[in-house]
Amino acid sequence: MLFALITWQVVAHGPLRDADERLGRAVFRDVPDAVTEPLADLGGMTVAPPVLALAVLWVLWRGREWLRAGAAVLAMAAVPALVAPLKLLIARPGPLEPGTGWYPSGHTATAVVAYVGAALLVSPYTRRRWPMPVAVVLTVATGIGLVLRGYHWPLDVLGSWCLFGIVLVALGSAGSGSGGILSARLSSIGRRRSSSRTPTG
């Protein structure tokens, strides 16, 4: 629903788009490029997809989990399949660069799928819960870098977060059989909590 609202406002030149562009112009290039450029590059094809590829190889090596690995690969393939037509259809002008096709953000989409997807893959094999917080930090850092550097309007980034959050949930469910990766993780947490309340002896 949020993705639909944002997309409608961007296409219709609504008040949310006006506020978005005012916010963007207020923050562009406020932080040195030496800081924001590396953050934006976290969503590049030479950085994010290799992280997901390593996670895919890890789960194939450790658990032969072909369905989960395949779902992650499909999620990454969905990035150009969804982003390119939307960019062409919406044709939003860029903040500081000429031309159109800036909504939604492809770098943001790549970061979401690569880092969150990798975290979902490797989390069952780690004793600590660090993969998902690290993935969220990297994804948010990418979006912040893209906006502060002036590569994207804020709504370009937020729209990608919404759209590919849906993609990850859908393909994660398809790749892990009944219930999906997320629901399986929640169920295991629920079982641990339930067992902790069961008296022994």
C-alpha atoms as a PDB file:
ATOM      1  CA  MET A   1       0.000   0.000   0.000  1.00  0.00           C
ATOM      2  CA  LEU A   2       2.812   2.389   0.807  1.00  0.00           C
ATOM      3  CA  PHE A   3       4.555   1.615  -2.488  1.00  0.00           C
ATOM      4  CA  ALA A   4       1.305   2.269  -4.356  1.00  0.00           C
ATOM      5  CA  LEU A   5       0.822   5.568  -2.522  1.00  0.00           C
ATOM      6  CA  ILE A   6       4.377   6.738  -3.212  1.00  0.00           C
ATOM      7  CA  THR A   7       4.204   5.734  -6.871  1.00  0.00           C
ATOM      8  CA  TRP A   8       0.867   7.515  -7.333  1.00  0.00           C
ATOM      9  CA  GLN A   9       2.236  10.698  -5.770  1.00  0.00           C
ATOM     10  CA  VAL A  10       5.358  10.601  -7.942  1.00  0.00           C
ATOM     11  CA  VAL A  11       3.382  10.027 -11.141  1.00  0.00           C
ATOM     12  CA  ALA A  12       0.660  12.582 -10.312  1.00  0.00           C
ATOM     13  CA  HIS A  13       3.093  15.268  -9.109  1.00  0.00           C
ATOM     14  CA  GLY A  14       1.252  15.258  -5.806  1.00  0.00           C
ATOM     15  CA  PRO A  15       2.058  17.104  -2.574  1.00  0.00           C
ATOM     16  CA  LEU A  16       4.165  14.187  -1.320  1.00  0.00           C
ATOM     17  CA  ARG A  17       6.412  14.519  -4.376  1.00  0.00           C
ATOM     18  CA  ASP A  18       6.701  18.275  -3.800  1.00  0.00           C
ATOM     19  CA  ALA A  19       7.742  17.708  -0.184  1.00  0.00           C
ATOM     20  CA  ASP A  20      10.150  14.999  -1.328  1.00  0.00           C
ATOM     21  CA  GLU A  21      11.894  17.341  -3.749  1.00  0.00           C
ATOM     22  CA  ARG A  22      12.113  20.136  -1.185  1.00  0.00           C
ATOM     23  CA  LEU A  23      13.712  17.716   1.275  1.00  0.00           C
ATOM     24  CA  GLY A  24      16.097  16.435  -1.355  1.00  0.00           C
ATOM     25  CA  ARG A  25      17.297  19.883  -2.367  1.00  0.00           C
ATOM     26  CA  ALA A  26      17.830  20.737   1.302  1.00  0.00           C
ATOM     27  CA  VAL A  27      20.199  17.815   1.945  1.00  0.00           C
ATOM     28  CA  PHE A  28      21.972  17.206  -1.382  1.00  0.00           C
ATOM     29  CA  ARG A  29      25.766  17.496  -1.109  1.00  0.00           C
ATOM     30  CA  ASP A  30      25.609  18.609   2.550  1.00  0.00           C
ATOM     31  CA  VAL A  31      27.962  15.748   3.422  1.00  0.00           C
ATOM     32  CA  PRO A  32      31.326  15.431   1.635  1.00  0.00           C
ATOM     33  CA  ASP A  33      31.284  13.198  -1.425  1.00  0.00           C
ATOM     34  CA  ALA A  34      34.159  11.218   0.050  1.00  0.00           C
ATOM     35  CA  VAL A  35      31.667   9.936   2.637  1.00  0.00           C
ATOM     36  CA  THR A  36      28.484   9.579   0.589  1.00  0.00           C
ATOM     37  CA  GLU A  37      30.018   8.077  -2.558  1.00  0.00           C
ATOM     38  CA  PRO A  38      31.218   4.858  -0.854  1.00  0.00           C
ATOM     39  CA  LEU A  39      27.825   4.507   0.836  1.00  0.00           C
ATOM     40  CA  ALA A  40      26.011   4.842  -2.483  1.00  0.00           C
ATOM     41  CA  ASP A  41      28.392   2.314  -4.021  1.00  0.00           C
ATOM     42  CA  LEU A  42      27.183  -0.326  -1.537  1.00  0.00           C
ATOM     43  CA  GLY A  43      24.260  -0.811  -3.909  1.00  0.00           C
ATOM     44  CA  GLY A  44      26.445  -1.195  -6.989  1.00  0.00           C
ATOM     45  CA  MET A  45      26.670  -4.368  -9.042  1.00  0.00           C
ATOM     46  CA  THR A  46      30.304  -4.902  -8.085  1.00  0.00           C
ATOM     47  CA  VAL A  47      29.558  -4.878  -4.345  1.00  0.00           C
ATOM     48  CA  ALA A  48      26.064  -6.093  -3.414  1.00  0.00           C
ATOM     49  CA  PRO A  49      25.402  -9.062  -5.760  1.00  0.00           C
ATOM     50  CA  PRO A  50      28.715 -10.772  -4.876  1.00  0.00           C
ATOM     51  CA  VAL A  51      27.635 -10.711  -1.217  1.00  0.00           C
ATOM     52  CA  LEU A  52      24.431 -12.534  -2.117  1.00  0.00           C
ATOM     53  CA  ALA A  53      26.369 -14.937  -4.344  1.00  0.00           C
ATOM     54  CA  LEU A  54      28.633 -15.870  -1.435  1.00  0.00           C
ATOM     55  CA  ALA A  55      25.594 -16.482   0.775  1.00  0.00           C
ATOM     56  CA  VAL A  56      24.028 -18.673  -1.919  1.00  0.00           C
ATOM     57  CA  LEU A  57      27.213 -20.732  -2.233  1.00  0.00           C
ATOM     58  CA  TRP A  58      27.384 -21.009   1.558  1.00  0.00           C
ATOM     59  CA  VAL A  59      23.898 -22.508   1.960  1.00  0.00           C
ATOM     60  CA  LEU A  60      24.468 -24.828  -0.972  1.00  0.00           C
ATOM     61  CA  TRP A  61      27.701 -26.047   0.573  1.00  0.00           C
ATOM     62  CA  ARG A  62      26.408 -26.319   4.137  1.00  0.00           C
ATOM     63  CA  GLY A  63      22.871 -27.544   3.625  1.00  0.00           C
ATOM     64  CA  ARG A  64      22.226 -28.277  -0.052  1.00  0.00           C
ATOM     65  CA  GLU A  65      19.309 -25.861   0.195  1.00  0.00           C
ATOM     66  CA  TRP A  66      18.542 -25.522  -3.482  1.00  0.00           C
ATOM     67  CA  LEU A  67      15.079 -24.014  -3.041  1.00  0.00           C
ATOM     68  CA  ARG A  68      16.218 -21.201  -0.750  1.00  0.00           C
ATOM     69  CA  ALA A  69      19.251 -20.497  -2.903  1.00  0.00           C
ATOM     70  CA  GLY A  70      17.102 -20.462  -6.018  1.00  0.00           C
ATOM     71  CA  ALA A  71      14.641 -18.056  -4.397  1.00  0.00           C
ATOM     72  CA  ALA A  72      17.478 -15.655  -3.604  1.00  0.00           C
ATOM     73  CA  VAL A  73      18.718 -15.789  -7.194  1.00  0.00           C
ATOM     74  CA  LEU A  74      15.190 -15.141  -8.464  1.00  0.00           C
ATOM     75  CA  ALA A  75      14.880 -12.170  -6.126  1.00  0.00           C
ATOM     76  CA  MET A  76      18.028 -10.628  -7.582  1.00  0.00           C
ATOM     77  CA  ALA A  77      16.812 -11.344 -11.109  1.00  0.00           C
ATOM     78  CA  ALA A  78      13.592  -9.502 -10.223  1.00  0.00           C
ATOM     79  CA  VAL A  79      15.539  -6.257  -9.677  1.00  0.00           C
ATOM     80  CA  PRO A  80      16.118  -5.380 -13.362  1.00  0.00           C
ATOM     81  CA  ALA A  81      12.886  -7.105 -14.371  1.00  0.00           C
ATOM     82  CA  LEU A  82      10.821  -4.771 -12.175  1.00  0.00           C
ATOM     83  CA  VAL A  83      12.948  -1.632 -11.923  1.00  0.00           C
ATOM     84  CA  ALA A  84      13.703  -1.093 -15.619  1.00  0.00           C
ATOM     85  CA  PRO A  85      10.041  -1.032 -16.805  1.00  0.00           C
ATOM     86  CA  LEU A  86       9.003   1.187 -13.882  1.00  0.00           C
ATOM     87  CA  LYS A  87      11.803   3.649 -14.599  1.00  0.00           C
ATOM     88  CA  LEU A  88      10.794   3.800 -18.246  1.00  0.00           C
ATOM     89  CA  LEU A  89       7.084   4.121 -17.479  1.00  0.00           C
ATOM     90  CA  ILE A  90       7.325   6.737 -14.707  1.00  0.00           C
ATOM     91  CA  ALA A  91      10.242   8.690 -16.238  1.00  0.00           C
ATOM     92  CA  ARG A  92      10.971  10.796 -13.171  1.00  0.00           C
ATOM     93  CA  PRO A  93      13.679  13.441 -13.680  1.00  0.00           C
ATOM     94  CA  GLY A  94      16.825  13.057 -11.623  1.00  0.00           C
ATOM     95  CA  PRO A  95      17.894  15.418  -8.841  1.00  0.00           C
ATOM     96  CA  LEU A  96      21.229  16.623 -10.194  1.00  0.00           C
ATOM     97  CA  GLU A  97      21.748  14.550 -13.336  1.00  0.00           C
ATOM     98  CA  PRO A  98      20.061  15.089 -16.731  1.00  0.00           C
ATOM     99  CA  GLY A  99      17.528  12.669 -18.134  1.00  0.00           C
ATOM    100  CA  THR A 100      14.686  10.676 -16.636  1.00  0.00           C
ATOM    101  CA  GLY A 101      14.160   7.246 -15.103  1.00  0.00           C
ATOM    102  CA  TRP A 102      15.154   7.707 -11.490  1.00  0.00           C
ATOM    103  CA  TYR A 103      12.169   6.092  -9.762  1.00  0.00           C
ATOM    104  CA  PRO A 104      12.505   3.576  -8.221  1.00  0.00           C
ATOM    105  CA  SER A 105      16.162   3.398  -7.254  1.00  0.00           C
ATOM    106  CA  GLY A 106      17.957   0.427  -8.778  1.00  0.00           C
ATOM    107  CA  HIS A 107      20.929   0.695  -6.414  1.00  0.00           C
ATOM    108  CA  THR A 108      18.570   0.611  -3.438  1.00  0.00           C
ATOM    109  CA  ALA A 109      16.732  -2.393  -4.832  1.00  0.00           C
ATOM    110  CA  THR A 110      20.003  -4.225  -5.396  1.00  0.00           C
ATOM    111  CA  ALA A 111      21.132  -3.500  -1.835  1.00  0.00           C
ATOM    112  CA  VAL A 112      17.839  -4.648  -0.296  1.00  0.00           C
ATOM    113  CA  VAL A 113      17.796  -7.939  -2.155  1.00  0.00           C
ATOM    114  CA  ALA A 114      21.507  -8.660  -1.762  1.00  0.00           C
ATOM    115  CA  TYR A 115      22.003  -7.829   1.911  1.00  0.00           C
ATOM    116  CA  VAL A 116      18.641  -8.841   3.351  1.00  0.00           C
ATOM    117  CA  GLY A 117      18.526 -11.903   1.121  1.00  0.00           C
ATOM    118  CA  ALA A 118      22.012 -12.930   2.262  1.00  0.00           C
ATOM    119  CA  ALA A 119      21.005 -12.434   5.890  1.00  0.00           C
ATOM    120  CA  LEU A 120      17.940 -14.646   5.459  1.00  0.00           C
ATOM    121  CA  LEU A 121      20.097 -17.344   3.893  1.00  0.00           C
ATOM    122  CA  VAL A 122      22.890 -17.466   6.463  1.00  0.00           C
ATOM    123  CA  SER A 123      20.907 -16.735   9.645  1.00  0.00           C
ATOM    124  CA  PRO A 124      19.947 -20.390  10.274  1.00  0.00           C
ATOM    125  CA  TYR A 125      23.667 -21.259  10.343  1.00  0.00           C
ATOM    126  CA  THR A 126      24.738 -18.613  12.849  1.00  0.00           C
ATOM    127  CA  ARG A 127      24.363 -18.803  16.608  1.00  0.00           C
ATOM    128  CA  ARG A 128      23.977 -15.050  16.908  1.00  0.00           C
ATOM    129  CA  ARG A 129      21.428 -12.729  15.348  1.00  0.00           C
ATOM    130  CA  TRP A 130      23.926 -10.376  13.681  1.00  0.00           C
ATOM    131  CA  PRO A 131      23.191 -11.046   9.968  1.00  0.00           C
ATOM    132  CA  MET A 132      19.880  -9.190   9.765  1.00  0.00           C
ATOM    133  CA  PRO A 133      20.966  -6.062  11.729  1.00  0.00           C
ATOM    134  CA  VAL A 134      24.073  -5.845   9.559  1.00  0.00           C
ATOM    135  CA  ALA A 135      21.939  -6.211   6.420  1.00  0.00           C
ATOM    136  CA  VAL A 136      19.581  -3.453   7.574  1.00  0.00           C
ATOM    137  CA  VAL A 137      22.490  -1.116   8.351  1.00  0.00           C
ATOM    138  CA  LEU A 138      24.054  -1.698   4.920  1.00  0.00           C
ATOM    139  CA  THR A 139      20.732  -1.216   3.150  1.00  0.00           C
ATOM    140  CA  VAL A 140      19.898   1.998   5.000  1.00  0.00           C
ATOM    141  CA  ALA A 141      23.434   3.298   4.511  1.00  0.00           C
ATOM    142  CA  THR A 142      23.073   2.749   0.773  1.00  0.00           C
ATOM    143  CA  GLY A 143      19.870   4.756   0.648  1.00  0.00           C
ATOM    144  CA  ILE A 144      21.311   7.573   2.722  1.00  0.00           C
ATOM    145  CA  GLY A 145      24.377   7.738   0.516  1.00  0.00           C
ATOM    146  CA  LEU A 146      22.300   7.851  -2.662  1.00  0.00           C
ATOM    147  CA  VAL A 147      20.180  10.725  -1.361  1.00  0.00           C
ATOM    148  CA  LEU A 148      22.932  12.807   0.216  1.00  0.00           C
ATOM    149  CA  ARG A 149      25.126  12.389  -2.853  1.00  0.00           C
ATOM    150  CA  GLY A 150      22.277  13.666  -5.019  1.00  0.00           C
ATOM    151  CA  TYR A 151      21.843  10.516  -7.081  1.00  0.00           C
ATOM    152  CA  HIS A 152      18.213   9.983  -6.027  1.00  0.00           C
ATOM    153  CA  TRP A 153      15.264  11.737  -4.438  1.00  0.00           C
ATOM    154  CA  PRO A 154      14.277  10.305  -1.023  1.00  0.00           C
ATOM    155  CA  LEU A 155      11.079   8.753  -2.398  1.00  0.00           C
ATOM    156  CA  ASP A 156      13.086   6.883  -5.045  1.00  0.00           C
ATOM    157  CA  VAL A 157      14.824   5.070  -2.208  1.00  0.00           C
ATOM    158  CA  LEU A 158      11.735   4.558  -0.056  1.00  0.00           C
ATOM    159  CA  GLY A 159       9.789   3.190  -3.015  1.00  0.00           C
ATOM    160  CA  SER A 160      12.472   0.573  -3.657  1.00  0.00           C
ATOM    161  CA  TRP A 161      12.510  -0.460  -0.002  1.00  0.00           C
ATOM    162  CA  CYS A 162       8.757  -1.048  -0.128  1.00  0.00           C
ATOM    163  CA  LEU A 163       8.698  -2.861  -3.468  1.00  0.00           C
ATOM    164  CA  PHE A 164      11.560  -5.235  -2.819  1.00  0.00           C
ATOM    165  CA  GLY A 165      10.547  -5.927   0.741  1.00  0.00           C
ATOM    166  CA  ILE A 166       7.463  -7.478  -0.871  1.00  0.00           C
ATOM    167  CA  VAL A 167       9.615  -9.379  -3.370  1.00  0.00           C
ATOM    168  CA  LEU A 168      11.808 -10.843  -0.624  1.00  0.00           C
ATOM    169  CA  VAL A 169       8.836 -12.031   1.415  1.00  0.00           C
ATOM    170  CA  ALA A 170       7.121 -13.565  -1.626  1.00  0.00           C
ATOM    171  CA  LEU A 171      10.179 -15.330  -3.012  1.00  0.00           C
ATOM    172  CA  GLY A 172      11.376 -16.301   0.453  1.00  0.00           C
ATOM    173  CA  SER A 173       8.065 -18.060   1.011  1.00  0.00           C
ATOM    174  CA  ALA A 174       8.284 -19.783  -2.352  1.00  0.00           C
ATOM    175  CA  GLY A 175      11.810 -20.942  -1.662  1.00  0.00           C
ATOM    176  CA  SER A 176      11.292 -22.511   1.726  1.00  0.00           C
ATOM    177  CA  GLY A 177       8.225 -24.603   1.256  1.00  0.00           C
ATOM    178  CA  SER A 178       5.236 -24.201   3.542  1.00  0.00           C
ATOM    179  CA  GLY A 179       5.288 -21.033   5.580  1.00  0.00           C
ATOM    180  CA  GLY A 180       8.377 -19.415   4.067  1.00  0.00           C
ATOM    181  CA  ILE A 181      11.696 -18.372   5.539  1.00  0.00           C
ATOM    182  CA  LEU A 182      10.321 -15.577   7.667  1.00  0.00           C
ATOM    183  CA  SER A 183       7.445 -17.565   9.110  1.00  0.00           C
ATOM    184  CA  ALA A 184       9.754 -20.500   9.779  1.00  0.00           C
ATOM    185  CA  ARG A 185      12.087 -18.243  11.735  1.00  0.00           C
ATOM    186  CA  LEU A 186       9.146 -16.844  13.707  1.00  0.00           C
ATOM    187  CA  SER A 187       7.830 -20.329  14.410  1.00  0.00           C
ATOM    188  CA  SER A 188      11.210 -21.492  15.710  1.00  0.00           C
ATOM    189  CA  ILE A 189      11.384 -18.463  17.995  1.00  0.00           C
ATOM    190  CA  GLY A 190       7.887 -19.233  19.247  1.00  0.00           C
ATOM    191  CA  ARG A 191       8.833 -22.854  19.945  1.00  0.00           C
ATOM    192  CA  ARG A 192      11.903 -21.787  21.924  1.00  0.00           C
ATOM    193  CA  ARG A 193       9.853 -19.368  24.007  1.00  0.00           C
ATOM    194  CA  SER A 194       7.167 -21.976  24.605  1.00  0.00           C
ATOM    195  CA  SER A 195       9.685 -24.605  25.673  1.00  0.00           C
ATOM    196  CA  SER A 196      11.345 -22.125  28.024  1.00  0.00           C
ATOM    197  CA  ARG A 197       8.043 -21.786  29.912  1.00  0.00           C
ATOM    198  CA  THR A 198       7.501 -25.548  30.193  1.00  0.00           C
ATOM    199  CA  PRO A 199       8.391 -26.861  33.664  1.00  0.00           C
ATOM    200  CA  THR A 200      10.929 -29.658  33.868  1.00  0.00           C
ATOM    201  CA  GLY A 201      11.086 -32.685  36.169  1.00  0.00           C
END
